[in-house]
């Protein structure tokens, strides 16, 4: 079972929506967090260490993670999803399903 970590800014809309797509998934366990001090769940080194693959919504999240944490050689994938969706927005779900099709 692969551990997938989804990162956005405040862990309110995009990353929790991605995490929800993997609820009860037979092959993957998903977690989500944010980079902001105001994040619902703030990313930490333990989360990074536990993840097999880290997905970030924007390039700025990748840069923040690389500055703040030891990523090692694990995959760090930028999804290029702008912060313009609400939690579980049907359009966001469709985008995530397409970009994560190799995992879902």
Protein backbone atom coordinates (compact mmCIF):
# COMPACT_ATOMS: atom_id res chain seq x y z
CA UNK A 1 0.00 0.00 0.00
CA UNK A 2 1.41 3.36 -1.03
CA UNK A 3 1.05 6.42 1.18
CA UNK A 4 0.09 9.51 -0.82
CA UNK A 5 0.45 13.01 0.62
CA UNK A 6 -1.45 15.94 -0.92
CA UNK A 7 -0.32 19.49 -0.17
CA UNK A 8 -1.99 22.84 -0.78
CA UNK A 9 -1.81 26.11 1.14
CA UNK A 10 -4.44 25.97 3.88
CA UNK A 11 -5.52 22.34 3.65
CA UNK A 12 -9.14 23.41 3.27
CA UNK A 13 -10.25 22.70 -0.30
CA UNK A 14 -7.87 21.14 -2.80
CA UNK A 15 -5.75 18.73 -0.78
CA UNK A 16 -8.64 17.44 1.39
CA UNK A 17 -10.65 16.85 -1.80
CA UNK A 18 -7.77 14.80 -3.21
CA UNK A 19 -7.49 12.89 0.06
CA UNK A 20 -11.22 12.11 -0.04
CA UNK A 21 -10.86 10.50 -3.48
CA UNK A 22 -8.76 7.78 -1.85
CA UNK A 23 -11.07 7.02 1.07
CA UNK A 24 -11.33 3.23 1.34
CA UNK A 25 -9.00 2.77 -1.65
CA UNK A 26 -7.69 -0.81 -1.75
CA UNK A 27 -4.12 0.12 -2.78
CA UNK A 28 -3.39 3.60 -1.45
CA UNK A 29 -3.73 5.55 1.77
CA UNK A 30 -3.97 9.32 1.37
CA UNK A 31 -3.23 12.20 3.72
CA UNK A 32 -3.40 15.95 3.22
CA UNK A 33 -1.80 19.02 4.74
CA UNK A 34 -1.03 22.66 4.04
CA UNK A 35 2.04 24.86 3.92
CA UNK A 36 0.50 27.94 5.58
CA UNK A 37 0.64 28.80 9.27
CA UNK A 38 -3.16 28.95 8.99
CA UNK A 39 -3.47 25.44 7.52
CA UNK A 40 -6.06 23.12 9.04
CA UNK A 41 -3.32 20.48 9.24
CA UNK A 42 0.18 21.84 8.72
CA UNK A 43 2.70 19.68 6.89
CA UNK A 44 5.62 18.38 8.93
CA UNK A 45 8.69 16.20 8.39
CA UNK A 46 6.97 13.10 9.78
CA UNK A 47 4.27 13.38 7.09
CA UNK A 48 6.91 13.78 4.39
CA UNK A 49 8.82 10.76 5.71
CA UNK A 50 5.69 8.59 5.79
CA UNK A 51 4.70 9.46 2.21
CA UNK A 52 5.76 7.36 -0.74
CA UNK A 53 4.65 10.08 -3.17
CA UNK A 54 4.06 13.78 -2.43
CA UNK A 55 1.64 15.73 -4.63
CA UNK A 56 1.53 19.52 -4.47
CA UNK A 57 -1.14 21.68 -6.03
CA UNK A 58 1.18 24.47 -7.20
CA UNK A 59 4.88 24.95 -7.95
CA UNK A 60 5.17 27.33 -4.98
CA UNK A 61 4.25 24.45 -2.65
CA UNK A 62 7.06 22.34 -4.11
CA UNK A 63 9.56 25.14 -3.49
CA UNK A 64 8.34 25.64 0.09
CA UNK A 65 8.64 21.94 0.84
CA UNK A 66 12.15 21.80 -0.59
CA UNK A 67 13.18 24.79 1.55
CA UNK A 68 11.65 23.54 4.80
CA UNK A 69 11.99 19.76 4.70
CA UNK A 70 14.23 16.90 3.71
CA UNK A 71 12.46 15.35 0.72
CA UNK A 72 15.14 12.90 -0.33
CA UNK A 73 14.58 11.23 -3.68
CA UNK A 74 10.88 10.49 -3.28
CA UNK A 75 8.58 11.68 -6.06
CA UNK A 76 7.37 15.27 -5.61
CA UNK A 77 4.72 15.91 -8.24
CA UNK A 78 3.22 19.30 -9.12
CA UNK A 79 -0.44 18.99 -10.16
CA UNK A 80 -0.79 22.63 -11.34
CA UNK A 81 -4.25 23.14 -9.82
CA UNK A 82 -4.98 26.77 -8.98
CA UNK A 83 -6.67 27.81 -5.73
CA UNK A 84 -10.08 28.54 -7.23
CA UNK A 85 -12.21 25.61 -6.07
CA UNK A 86 -14.27 24.85 -2.99
CA UNK A 87 -14.01 21.56 -1.10
CA UNK A 88 -15.27 18.65 -3.21
CA UNK A 89 -16.20 20.95 -6.12
CA UNK A 90 -17.30 18.65 -8.99
CA UNK A 91 -14.92 20.37 -11.42
CA UNK A 92 -12.02 19.94 -8.98
CA UNK A 93 -12.91 16.27 -8.52
CA UNK A 94 -12.87 15.75 -12.31
CA UNK A 95 -9.48 17.46 -12.65
CA UNK A 96 -8.04 15.37 -9.83
CA UNK A 97 -9.43 12.17 -11.32
CA UNK A 98 -7.70 12.96 -14.62
CA UNK A 99 -4.32 13.99 -13.19
CA UNK A 100 -4.30 11.14 -10.67
CA UNK A 101 -5.61 8.47 -13.06
CA UNK A 102 -2.50 6.30 -12.56
CA UNK A 103 -3.29 6.10 -8.82
CA UNK A 104 -7.09 6.00 -8.55
